[in-house]
Amino acid sequence: RASSSFLYELQLVTFFLLAAAFQLPRCQLINQTISLEKRGCSRCHRVETTICSGHCTTKDPNRKILFSKAYQHVCTYGELYYKTFEFSDCLPGVDPVVTYPVALRCHCGGCAMATSDCTFESLQPDILHASNYYSIK
């Protein structure tokens, strides 16, 4: 009796955890304010852009097979373009133009090092008021 009660409770917990996971926002475009900075220009500037954000369904096998890779999907750019911004307060000789990414389409897929931060724990901003930024150096 005790084991059947435990199994029933385990099934309930599993059901509610799965139901909660499907309530999280899926991979989608969202608006985000980022800060731009450039060496030789005195201030950082905030701009609005779109980024990819949300969760992707993934699974990690319980049994680890030697030399096999687990591919976990992340919310990443399906299509993007780069917008330009011109600083007005740069030193003479410094190119005042910078570019930053604008997401047009998102999808769940492998993490692309060229367009995404694929690290386990990303670097924290240390300059711009502890906010998100895109640094041009």
C-alpha atoms as a PDB file:
ATOM      1  CA  ARG A   1       0.000   0.000   0.000  1.00  0.00           C
ATOM      2  CA  ALA A   2       2.715   2.480   0.912  1.00  0.00           C
ATOM      3  CA  SER A   3       4.581   1.906  -2.349  1.00  0.00           C
ATOM      4  CA  SER A   4       1.456   2.404  -4.497  1.00  0.00           C
ATOM      5  CA  SER A   5       0.692   5.638  -2.633  1.00  0.00           C
ATOM      6  CA  PHE A   6       4.259   6.812  -3.230  1.00  0.00           C
ATOM      7  CA  LEU A   7       4.041   5.995  -6.952  1.00  0.00           C
ATOM      8  CA  TYR A   8       0.754   7.876  -7.227  1.00  0.00           C
ATOM      9  CA  GLU A   9       2.269  10.941  -5.521  1.00  0.00           C
ATOM     10  CA  LEU A  10       5.328  10.718  -7.761  1.00  0.00           C
ATOM     11  CA  GLN A  11       3.093  10.658 -10.839  1.00  0.00           C
ATOM     12  CA  LEU A  12       1.210  13.716  -9.577  1.00  0.00           C
ATOM     13  CA  VAL A  13       4.423  15.644  -8.940  1.00  0.00           C
ATOM     14  CA  THR A  14       5.747  14.706 -12.389  1.00  0.00           C
ATOM     15  CA  PHE A  15       2.484  15.791 -14.020  1.00  0.00           C
ATOM     16  CA  PHE A  16       2.501  19.184 -12.297  1.00  0.00           C
ATOM     17  CA  LEU A  17       6.181  19.795 -13.063  1.00  0.00           C
ATOM     18  CA  LEU A  18       5.601  19.038 -16.743  1.00  0.00           C
ATOM     19  CA  ALA A  19       2.504  21.241 -16.786  1.00  0.00           C
ATOM     20  CA  ALA A  20       4.479  24.092 -15.209  1.00  0.00           C
ATOM     21  CA  ALA A  21       7.284  23.726 -17.762  1.00  0.00           C
ATOM     22  CA  PHE A  22       4.853  24.205 -20.628  1.00  0.00           C
ATOM     23  CA  GLN A  23       3.652  27.469 -19.062  1.00  0.00           C
ATOM     24  CA  LEU A  24       7.085  29.067 -19.462  1.00  0.00           C
ATOM     25  CA  PRO A  25       7.479  31.375 -22.462  1.00  0.00           C
ATOM     26  CA  ARG A  26       8.692  29.534 -25.544  1.00  0.00           C
ATOM     27  CA  CYS A  27      11.608  30.783 -27.622  1.00  0.00           C
ATOM     28  CA  GLN A  28      10.503  34.122 -29.073  1.00  0.00           C
ATOM     29  CA  LEU A  29      11.521  37.664 -29.987  1.00  0.00           C
ATOM     30  CA  ILE A  30      11.424  40.178 -27.145  1.00  0.00           C
ATOM     31  CA  ASN A  31      12.320  43.854 -26.935  1.00  0.00           C
ATOM     32  CA  GLN A  32      15.453  44.605 -24.934  1.00  0.00           C
ATOM     33  CA  THR A  33      17.335  47.775 -24.024  1.00  0.00           C
ATOM     34  CA  ILE A  34      21.095  47.392 -24.412  1.00  0.00           C
ATOM     35  CA  SER A  35      23.903  49.855 -23.804  1.00  0.00           C
ATOM     36  CA  LEU A  36      26.586  50.564 -26.382  1.00  0.00           C
ATOM     37  CA  GLU A  37      30.089  51.748 -25.571  1.00  0.00           C
ATOM     38  CA  LYS A  38      33.239  52.342 -27.581  1.00  0.00           C
ATOM     39  CA  ARG A  39      36.800  53.218 -26.584  1.00  0.00           C
ATOM     40  CA  GLY A  40      37.465  56.859 -27.312  1.00  0.00           C
ATOM     41  CA  CYS A  41      33.832  57.847 -26.813  1.00  0.00           C
ATOM     42  CA  SER A  42      32.903  59.260 -23.426  1.00  0.00           C
ATOM     43  CA  ARG A  43      29.458  57.824 -22.722  1.00  0.00           C
ATOM     44  CA  CYS A  44      27.497  54.662 -23.193  1.00  0.00           C
ATOM     45  CA  HIS A  45      24.207  54.951 -25.070  1.00  0.00           C
ATOM     46  CA  ARG A  46      21.069  52.885 -24.534  1.00  0.00           C
ATOM     47  CA  VAL A  47      19.236  51.570 -27.587  1.00  0.00           C
ATOM     48  CA  GLU A  48      16.217  49.322 -28.099  1.00  0.00           C
ATOM     49  CA  THR A  49      16.722  46.082 -29.994  1.00  0.00           C
ATOM     50  CA  THR A  50      15.117  42.656 -30.255  1.00  0.00           C
ATOM     51  CA  ILE A  51      16.711  39.521 -28.840  1.00  0.00           C
ATOM     52  CA  CYS A  52      15.785  35.843 -28.623  1.00  0.00           C
ATOM     53  CA  SER A  53      14.563  34.677 -25.240  1.00  0.00           C
ATOM     54  CA  GLY A  54      12.575  31.800 -23.779  1.00  0.00           C
ATOM     55  CA  HIS A  55      12.865  28.086 -23.177  1.00  0.00           C
ATOM     56  CA  CYS A  56      13.323  25.182 -25.550  1.00  0.00           C
ATOM     57  CA  THR A  57      12.255  21.624 -24.872  1.00  0.00           C
ATOM     58  CA  THR A  58      15.309  19.458 -24.415  1.00  0.00           C
ATOM     59  CA  LYS A  59      16.249  16.212 -22.763  1.00  0.00           C
ATOM     60  CA  ASP A  60      19.301  14.722 -21.167  1.00  0.00           C
ATOM     61  CA  PRO A  61      19.507  10.917 -21.094  1.00  0.00           C
ATOM     62  CA  ASN A  62      19.587   9.218 -17.713  1.00  0.00           C
ATOM     63  CA  ARG A  63      22.215   6.772 -18.893  1.00  0.00           C
ATOM     64  CA  LYS A  64      25.406   8.334 -20.098  1.00  0.00           C
ATOM     65  CA  ILE A  65      26.939   6.494 -23.024  1.00  0.00           C
ATOM     66  CA  LEU A  66      30.695   6.709 -23.310  1.00  0.00           C
ATOM     67  CA  PHE A  67      31.855   9.086 -26.073  1.00  0.00           C
ATOM     68  CA  SER A  68      28.321  10.235 -26.878  1.00  0.00           C
ATOM     69  CA  LYS A  69      27.337  13.883 -26.939  1.00  0.00           C
ATOM     70  CA  ALA A  70      24.143  15.304 -25.488  1.00  0.00           C
ATOM     71  CA  TYR A  71      22.766  18.001 -27.750  1.00  0.00           C
ATOM     72  CA  GLN A  72      20.694  20.491 -25.837  1.00  0.00           C
ATOM     73  CA  HIS A  73      18.711  23.085 -27.715  1.00  0.00           C
ATOM     74  CA  VAL A  74      18.835  26.754 -26.772  1.00  0.00           C
ATOM     75  CA  CYS A  75      16.786  29.723 -27.900  1.00  0.00           C
ATOM     76  CA  THR A  76      18.966  31.273 -30.588  1.00  0.00           C
ATOM     77  CA  TYR A  77      18.856  33.532 -33.615  1.00  0.00           C
ATOM     78  CA  GLY A  78      17.224  32.149 -36.735  1.00  0.00           C
ATOM     79  CA  GLU A  79      17.854  35.388 -38.601  1.00  0.00           C
ATOM     80  CA  LEU A  80      19.396  38.706 -37.593  1.00  0.00           C
ATOM     81  CA  TYR A  81      20.818  41.871 -39.043  1.00  0.00           C
ATOM     82  CA  TYR A  82      23.121  44.555 -37.712  1.00  0.00           C
ATOM     83  CA  LYS A  83      21.972  48.112 -37.111  1.00  0.00           C
ATOM     84  CA  THR A  84      24.367  51.056 -36.902  1.00  0.00           C
ATOM     85  CA  PHE A  85      24.597  53.775 -34.269  1.00  0.00           C
ATOM     86  CA  GLU A  86      26.763  56.896 -34.436  1.00  0.00           C
ATOM     87  CA  PHE A  87      28.256  58.319 -31.240  1.00  0.00           C
ATOM     88  CA  SER A  88      28.327  62.106 -31.033  1.00  0.00           C
ATOM     89  CA  ASP A  89      30.957  62.426 -28.299  1.00  0.00           C
ATOM     90  CA  CYS A  90      34.073  60.622 -29.597  1.00  0.00           C
ATOM     91  CA  LEU A  91      37.658  61.824 -29.556  1.00  0.00           C
ATOM     92  CA  PRO A  92      39.143  63.084 -32.834  1.00  0.00           C
ATOM     93  CA  GLY A  93      40.315  60.173 -34.988  1.00  0.00           C
ATOM     94  CA  VAL A  94      37.881  57.656 -33.436  1.00  0.00           C
ATOM     95  CA  ASP A  95      35.324  56.173 -35.829  1.00  0.00           C
ATOM     96  CA  PRO A  96      31.997  57.055 -34.134  1.00  0.00           C
ATOM     97  CA  VAL A  97      29.977  54.288 -35.846  1.00  0.00           C
ATOM     98  CA  VAL A  98      29.176  50.973 -34.129  1.00  0.00           C
ATOM     99  CA  THR A  99      26.916  48.092 -35.104  1.00  0.00           C
ATOM    100  CA  TYR A 100      24.735  45.913 -32.890  1.00  0.00           C
ATOM    101  CA  PRO A 101      22.580  42.843 -33.575  1.00  0.00           C
ATOM    102  CA  VAL A 102      18.813  42.958 -34.090  1.00  0.00           C
ATOM    103  CA  ALA A 103      17.019  39.604 -34.060  1.00  0.00           C
ATOM    104  CA  LEU A 104      14.412  39.047 -36.779  1.00  0.00           C
ATOM    105  CA  ARG A 105      13.541  35.408 -36.099  1.00  0.00           C
ATOM    106  CA  CYS A 106      14.269  32.944 -33.279  1.00  0.00           C
ATOM    107  CA  HIS A 107      14.308  29.164 -33.091  1.00  0.00           C
ATOM    108  CA  CYS A 108      15.386  26.339 -30.820  1.00  0.00           C
ATOM    109  CA  GLY A 109      18.672  24.871 -32.005  1.00  0.00           C
ATOM    110  CA  GLY A 110      22.296  24.250 -31.174  1.00  0.00           C
ATOM    111  CA  CYS A 111      24.178  27.147 -29.633  1.00  0.00           C
ATOM    112  CA  ALA A 112      26.051  29.072 -32.344  1.00  0.00           C
ATOM    113  CA  MET A 113      29.254  30.543 -30.917  1.00  0.00           C
ATOM    114  CA  ALA A 114      29.272  33.239 -33.636  1.00  0.00           C
ATOM    115  CA  THR A 115      26.039  34.850 -32.430  1.00  0.00           C
ATOM    116  CA  SER A 116      25.397  33.641 -28.878  1.00  0.00           C
ATOM    117  CA  ASP A 117      26.961  33.306 -25.456  1.00  0.00           C
ATOM    118  CA  CYS A 118      27.297  29.515 -25.215  1.00  0.00           C
ATOM    119  CA  THR A 119      29.163  29.420 -21.921  1.00  0.00           C
ATOM    120  CA  PHE A 120      27.921  27.657 -18.812  1.00  0.00           C
ATOM    121  CA  GLU A 121      27.959  30.918 -16.876  1.00  0.00           C
ATOM    122  CA  SER A 122      28.175  34.118 -18.877  1.00  0.00           C
ATOM    123  CA  LEU A 123      30.319  37.090 -17.979  1.00  0.00           C
ATOM    124  CA  GLN A 124      28.649  39.806 -15.958  1.00  0.00           C
ATOM    125  CA  PRO A 125      28.797  43.427 -17.132  1.00  0.00           C
ATOM    126  CA  ASP A 126      31.248  45.425 -15.057  1.00  0.00           C
ATOM    127  CA  ILE A 127      30.975  48.951 -16.407  1.00  0.00           C
ATOM    128  CA  LEU A 128      27.554  50.057 -17.527  1.00  0.00           C
ATOM    129  CA  HIS A 129      25.459  50.247 -14.380  1.00  0.00           C
ATOM    130  CA  ALA A 130      25.254  46.433 -14.159  1.00  0.00           C
ATOM    131  CA  SER A 131      22.914  46.302 -17.165  1.00  0.00           C
ATOM    132  CA  ASN A 132      23.018  44.382 -20.423  1.00  0.00           C
ATOM    133  CA  TYR A 133      25.438  45.848 -22.907  1.00  0.00           C
ATOM    134  CA  TYR A 134      27.056  45.212 -26.223  1.00  0.00           C
ATOM    135  CA  SER A 135      30.636  46.394 -26.064  1.00  0.00           C
ATOM    136  CA  ILE A 136      32.498  47.588 -29.154  1.00  0.00           C
ATOM    137  CA  LYS A 137      36.253  47.677 -28.629  1.00  0.00           C
END
